[in-house]
N, C-alpha and C. Protein backbone atom coordinates (compact mmCIF):
# COMPACT_ATOMS: atom_id res chain seq x y z
N MET A 1 15.06 -6.55 2.10
CA MET A 1 15.44 -5.31 2.74
C MET A 1 15.66 -5.58 4.28
N THR A 2 16.67 -4.90 4.78
CA THR A 2 16.93 -5.08 6.24
C THR A 2 15.89 -4.40 7.04
N PRO A 3 15.77 -4.75 8.35
CA PRO A 3 14.83 -4.04 9.16
C PRO A 3 15.06 -2.49 9.26
N ALA A 4 16.37 -2.14 9.33
CA ALA A 4 16.74 -0.74 9.39
C ALA A 4 16.26 -0.02 8.13
N ALA A 5 16.40 -0.67 6.95
CA ALA A 5 15.97 0.01 5.76
C ALA A 5 14.51 0.10 5.68
N LEU A 6 13.80 -0.83 6.11
CA LEU A 6 12.30 -0.83 6.15
C LEU A 6 11.79 0.28 7.12
N ILE A 7 12.48 0.39 8.24
CA ILE A 7 12.12 1.44 9.20
C ILE A 7 12.33 2.85 8.60
N GLU A 8 13.48 3.01 7.93
CA GLU A 8 13.76 4.32 7.30
C GLU A 8 12.77 4.58 6.18
N GLN A 9 12.37 3.54 5.43
CA GLN A 9 11.39 3.67 4.38
C GLN A 9 9.99 4.20 4.93
N GLU A 10 9.64 3.58 6.05
CA GLU A 10 8.38 4.02 6.70
C GLU A 10 8.47 5.50 7.18
N LEU A 11 9.59 5.81 7.85
CA LEU A 11 9.81 7.18 8.32
C LEU A 11 9.84 8.21 7.18
N ALA A 12 10.47 7.84 6.06
CA ALA A 12 10.46 8.68 4.86
C ALA A 12 9.04 8.83 4.27
N ALA A 13 8.25 7.77 4.32
CA ALA A 13 6.86 7.88 3.89
C ALA A 13 6.04 8.80 4.86
N ALA A 14 6.42 8.75 6.13
CA ALA A 14 5.75 9.62 7.12
C ALA A 14 6.10 11.09 6.85
N GLU A 15 7.38 11.30 6.50
CA GLU A 15 7.81 12.68 6.23
C GLU A 15 7.18 13.19 4.95
N ALA A 16 7.04 12.34 3.89
CA ALA A 16 6.39 12.73 2.72
C ALA A 16 4.90 13.05 2.93
N ALA A 17 4.28 12.25 3.75
CA ALA A 17 2.85 12.49 4.07
C ALA A 17 2.69 13.77 4.90
N GLN A 18 3.66 14.04 5.73
CA GLN A 18 3.65 15.32 6.47
C GLN A 18 3.74 16.54 5.53
N GLN A 19 4.57 16.43 4.48
CA GLN A 19 4.71 17.50 3.50
C GLN A 19 3.32 17.65 2.74
N ASP A 20 2.63 16.57 2.61
CA ASP A 20 1.32 16.59 1.88
C ASP A 20 0.20 16.96 2.89
N ARG A 21 0.53 17.20 4.13
CA ARG A 21 -0.47 17.53 5.16
C ARG A 21 -1.49 16.42 5.39
N ASN A 22 -1.03 15.16 5.19
CA ASN A 22 -1.92 13.97 5.45
C ASN A 22 -1.54 13.44 6.78
N ASP A 23 -2.11 14.05 7.87
CA ASP A 23 -1.84 13.67 9.22
C ASP A 23 -2.11 12.18 9.56
N GLY A 24 -3.17 11.68 9.06
CA GLY A 24 -3.52 10.34 9.25
C GLY A 24 -2.44 9.33 8.78
N LYS A 25 -1.94 9.65 7.58
CA LYS A 25 -0.91 8.74 7.03
C LYS A 25 0.40 8.92 7.73
N VAL A 26 0.69 10.14 8.24
CA VAL A 26 1.92 10.34 9.05
C VAL A 26 1.95 9.46 10.26
N ARG A 27 0.80 9.39 10.93
CA ARG A 27 0.64 8.59 12.14
C ARG A 27 0.75 7.10 11.82
N VAL A 28 0.10 6.65 10.75
CA VAL A 28 0.15 5.28 10.34
C VAL A 28 1.61 4.86 10.06
N CYS A 29 2.27 5.61 9.25
CA CYS A 29 3.65 5.33 8.95
C CYS A 29 4.56 5.37 10.13
N ALA A 30 4.38 6.24 11.04
CA ALA A 30 5.17 6.38 12.24
C ALA A 30 4.94 5.11 13.12
N ARG A 31 3.68 4.71 13.16
CA ARG A 31 3.35 3.47 13.98
C ARG A 31 3.97 2.26 13.37
N ARG A 32 3.89 2.19 12.02
CA ARG A 32 4.49 0.97 11.32
C ARG A 32 6.00 1.00 11.54
N ALA A 33 6.66 2.15 11.57
CA ALA A 33 8.09 2.15 11.79
C ALA A 33 8.47 1.63 13.15
N VAL A 34 7.66 2.05 14.18
CA VAL A 34 7.88 1.58 15.48
C VAL A 34 7.60 0.04 15.54
N ALA A 35 6.61 -0.46 14.82
CA ALA A 35 6.29 -1.84 14.86
C ALA A 35 7.43 -2.61 14.27
N LEU A 36 8.04 -2.18 13.21
CA LEU A 36 9.17 -2.83 12.61
C LEU A 36 10.34 -2.82 13.57
N ALA A 37 10.62 -1.70 14.16
CA ALA A 37 11.71 -1.67 15.14
C ALA A 37 11.46 -2.57 16.34
N THR A 38 10.24 -2.59 16.79
CA THR A 38 9.93 -3.48 17.93
C THR A 38 10.08 -4.96 17.55
N THR A 39 9.60 -5.32 16.38
CA THR A 39 9.71 -6.69 15.92
C THR A 39 11.22 -7.08 15.85
N ALA A 40 12.02 -6.25 15.31
CA ALA A 40 13.48 -6.52 15.22
C ALA A 40 14.09 -6.65 16.60
N TRP A 41 13.69 -5.79 17.49
CA TRP A 41 14.18 -5.82 18.87
C TRP A 41 13.71 -7.12 19.58
N LEU A 42 12.46 -7.42 19.42
CA LEU A 42 11.97 -8.67 20.05
C LEU A 42 12.66 -9.87 19.55
N ALA A 43 12.99 -9.90 18.22
CA ALA A 43 13.63 -11.09 17.63
C ALA A 43 15.03 -11.31 18.31
N ARG A 44 15.63 -10.30 18.82
CA ARG A 44 16.94 -10.43 19.44
C ARG A 44 16.90 -10.96 20.86
N LEU A 45 15.73 -10.90 21.46
CA LEU A 45 15.55 -11.35 22.89
C LEU A 45 15.55 -12.86 22.94
N PRO A 46 16.00 -13.42 24.05
CA PRO A 46 16.02 -14.92 24.22
C PRO A 46 14.54 -15.44 24.16
N ARG A 47 13.64 -14.63 24.72
CA ARG A 47 12.26 -15.02 24.68
C ARG A 47 11.43 -13.83 24.49
N PRO A 48 10.78 -13.75 23.33
CA PRO A 48 10.02 -12.50 22.96
C PRO A 48 8.96 -12.24 24.09
N ARG A 49 8.75 -10.99 24.36
CA ARG A 49 7.83 -10.58 25.41
C ARG A 49 6.42 -10.55 24.94
N TRP A 50 6.15 -10.27 23.71
CA TRP A 50 4.83 -10.11 23.21
C TRP A 50 4.81 -10.27 21.70
N ARG A 51 3.63 -10.23 21.15
CA ARG A 51 3.36 -10.28 19.63
C ARG A 51 2.26 -9.27 19.34
N GLY A 52 1.97 -9.08 18.09
CA GLY A 52 0.86 -8.27 17.73
C GLY A 52 1.23 -7.26 16.62
N ASP A 53 0.31 -6.41 16.35
CA ASP A 53 0.41 -5.42 15.32
C ASP A 53 1.00 -4.12 15.89
N ALA A 54 1.10 -3.13 15.13
CA ALA A 54 1.74 -1.83 15.55
C ALA A 54 1.01 -1.25 16.82
N MET A 55 -0.26 -1.30 16.90
CA MET A 55 -1.02 -0.74 18.05
C MET A 55 -0.71 -1.65 19.31
N ALA A 56 -0.62 -2.91 19.08
CA ALA A 56 -0.36 -3.81 20.26
C ALA A 56 1.07 -3.57 20.75
N HIS A 57 2.05 -3.32 19.89
CA HIS A 57 3.35 -3.04 20.28
C HIS A 57 3.45 -1.80 21.07
N LEU A 58 2.70 -0.72 20.63
CA LEU A 58 2.73 0.54 21.31
C LEU A 58 2.05 0.39 22.66
N LEU A 59 0.99 -0.35 22.76
CA LEU A 59 0.33 -0.65 24.06
C LEU A 59 1.29 -1.32 25.04
N HIS A 60 1.96 -2.32 24.53
CA HIS A 60 2.94 -3.03 25.39
C HIS A 60 4.02 -2.08 25.86
N ILE A 61 4.56 -1.32 24.98
CA ILE A 61 5.62 -0.37 25.38
C ILE A 61 5.13 0.60 26.47
N GLN A 62 3.93 1.12 26.26
CA GLN A 62 3.48 2.14 27.21
C GLN A 62 3.13 1.55 28.58
N GLN A 63 2.88 0.22 28.63
CA GLN A 63 2.52 -0.40 29.89
C GLN A 63 3.72 -1.11 30.55
N ASP A 64 4.82 -1.25 29.89
CA ASP A 64 6.00 -2.01 30.36
C ASP A 64 6.93 -1.00 31.15
N GLU A 65 6.90 -1.08 32.42
CA GLU A 65 7.70 -0.16 33.23
C GLU A 65 9.18 -0.31 33.12
N SER A 66 9.62 -1.33 32.35
CA SER A 66 11.03 -1.46 32.17
C SER A 66 11.54 -0.44 31.11
N PHE A 67 10.65 0.16 30.37
CA PHE A 67 10.97 1.23 29.42
C PHE A 67 10.93 2.55 30.17
N PRO A 68 11.88 3.49 29.88
CA PRO A 68 11.87 4.75 30.48
C PRO A 68 10.60 5.49 30.27
N LEU A 69 10.25 6.36 31.17
CA LEU A 69 8.99 7.07 31.09
C LEU A 69 8.84 7.87 29.77
N PRO A 70 9.82 8.63 29.27
CA PRO A 70 9.62 9.28 27.98
C PRO A 70 9.30 8.35 26.88
N ILE A 71 9.81 7.20 26.85
CA ILE A 71 9.52 6.18 25.84
C ILE A 71 8.06 5.73 25.95
N ARG A 72 7.63 5.44 27.20
CA ARG A 72 6.25 5.02 27.43
C ARG A 72 5.26 6.14 27.06
N GLN A 73 5.64 7.31 27.35
CA GLN A 73 4.74 8.51 27.03
C GLN A 73 4.68 8.67 25.49
N ALA A 74 5.75 8.50 24.79
CA ALA A 74 5.74 8.59 23.31
C ALA A 74 4.89 7.55 22.74
N ALA A 75 4.93 6.33 23.28
CA ALA A 75 4.11 5.21 22.77
C ALA A 75 2.62 5.54 23.06
N GLU A 76 2.38 6.13 24.23
CA GLU A 76 0.95 6.47 24.54
C GLU A 76 0.45 7.53 23.59
N ARG A 77 1.24 8.52 23.28
CA ARG A 77 0.79 9.64 22.33
C ARG A 77 0.57 9.05 20.97
N LEU A 78 1.48 8.16 20.50
CA LEU A 78 1.30 7.59 19.16
C LEU A 78 0.14 6.69 19.05
N SER A 79 -0.27 6.05 20.19
CA SER A 79 -1.42 5.12 20.11
C SER A 79 -2.79 5.78 20.37
N THR A 80 -2.73 7.03 20.74
CA THR A 80 -4.00 7.75 20.96
C THR A 80 -4.70 7.98 19.66
N PRO A 81 -6.03 7.59 19.60
CA PRO A 81 -6.75 7.76 18.37
C PRO A 81 -6.92 9.16 17.92
N VAL A 82 -6.98 9.43 16.66
CA VAL A 82 -7.16 10.72 16.05
C VAL A 82 -8.40 11.34 16.53
N THR A 83 -9.38 10.56 16.81
CA THR A 83 -10.68 11.10 17.32
C THR A 83 -10.49 11.83 18.70
N ARG A 84 -9.40 11.56 19.41
CA ARG A 84 -9.14 12.19 20.68
C ARG A 84 -7.99 13.23 20.54
N GLN A 85 -7.79 13.73 19.32
CA GLN A 85 -6.61 14.57 19.14
C GLN A 85 -6.64 15.97 19.90
N HIS A 86 -7.82 16.34 20.36
CA HIS A 86 -7.89 17.56 21.06
C HIS A 86 -7.78 17.29 22.61
N GLN A 87 -7.58 16.08 22.99
CA GLN A 87 -7.42 15.71 24.37
C GLN A 87 -5.97 15.17 24.55
N ALA A 88 -5.43 15.38 25.73
CA ALA A 88 -4.14 14.81 26.01
C ALA A 88 -4.32 13.31 26.28
N PRO A 89 -3.41 12.43 25.96
CA PRO A 89 -2.13 12.66 25.32
C PRO A 89 -2.21 12.41 23.83
N PHE A 90 -2.05 13.45 23.01
CA PHE A 90 -2.07 13.25 21.59
C PHE A 90 -0.83 13.88 21.00
N THR A 91 -0.05 13.18 20.16
CA THR A 91 1.18 13.68 19.69
C THR A 91 0.92 14.67 18.55
N THR A 92 1.61 15.73 18.61
CA THR A 92 1.62 16.68 17.45
C THR A 92 2.79 16.40 16.51
N ASP A 93 3.64 15.51 16.96
CA ASP A 93 4.86 15.20 16.12
C ASP A 93 5.08 13.65 16.20
N PRO A 94 4.25 12.89 15.47
CA PRO A 94 4.36 11.42 15.50
C PRO A 94 5.72 10.93 15.00
N ILE A 95 6.29 11.64 14.03
CA ILE A 95 7.59 11.22 13.60
C ILE A 95 8.65 11.28 14.70
N ALA A 96 8.64 12.38 15.46
CA ALA A 96 9.60 12.55 16.56
C ALA A 96 9.37 11.49 17.62
N ASP A 97 8.14 11.20 17.92
CA ASP A 97 7.83 10.19 18.91
C ASP A 97 8.28 8.80 18.45
N ALA A 98 8.12 8.47 17.17
CA ALA A 98 8.53 7.23 16.60
C ALA A 98 10.06 7.15 16.64
N ARG A 99 10.76 8.22 16.25
CA ARG A 99 12.22 8.22 16.30
C ARG A 99 12.73 8.02 17.70
N LEU A 100 12.03 8.64 18.70
CA LEU A 100 12.47 8.42 20.03
C LEU A 100 12.41 7.01 20.51
N ILE A 101 11.28 6.34 20.18
CA ILE A 101 11.13 4.92 20.55
C ILE A 101 12.19 4.09 19.79
N ILE A 102 12.23 4.31 18.49
CA ILE A 102 13.18 3.53 17.65
C ILE A 102 14.66 3.67 18.15
N ALA A 103 15.00 4.92 18.46
CA ALA A 103 16.40 5.13 19.01
C ALA A 103 16.63 4.43 20.32
N HIS A 104 15.59 4.31 21.19
CA HIS A 104 15.71 3.62 22.49
C HIS A 104 15.89 2.12 22.14
N LEU A 105 15.04 1.60 21.27
CA LEU A 105 15.16 0.15 20.98
C LEU A 105 16.53 -0.12 20.30
N SER A 106 17.03 0.79 19.47
CA SER A 106 18.30 0.55 18.83
C SER A 106 19.42 0.58 19.84
N SER A 107 19.33 1.35 20.85
CA SER A 107 20.34 1.41 21.86
C SER A 107 20.34 0.25 22.88
N THR A 108 19.30 -0.51 22.79
CA THR A 108 19.08 -1.66 23.66
C THR A 108 19.47 -2.92 23.02
N ASP A 109 20.47 -3.62 23.49
CA ASP A 109 20.87 -4.94 22.96
C ASP A 109 21.27 -4.93 21.48
N GLY A 110 22.11 -4.10 21.13
CA GLY A 110 22.77 -4.14 19.83
C GLY A 110 22.09 -3.44 18.64
N GLY A 111 21.02 -2.84 18.86
CA GLY A 111 20.43 -2.07 17.74
C GLY A 111 19.41 -2.76 16.90
N VAL A 112 18.83 -2.03 16.03
CA VAL A 112 17.73 -2.53 15.11
C VAL A 112 18.33 -2.85 13.77
């Protein structure tokens, strides 16, 4: 499967979990979709900036000032633990945050 197909598969799983009201699974799938997009984006760079799992990718995005502020904020919301959901910054729409990050990565250097 292509990276784009895998990303869409994760986003579809997130949407299905949202229909089932399984908020934890929605967040996990959204994070995995971002990790897949980030991995594909990093593979296109002459020298990858970082490695790691989905949470590591989100942490790097939120700390990297070369990313626009809305992208860094979306990464921060997605990486905030569920145990802190009543505190800012916690996303109420992890799929939208994932799509925002993925769209940015796709528009940078030829797409995902």
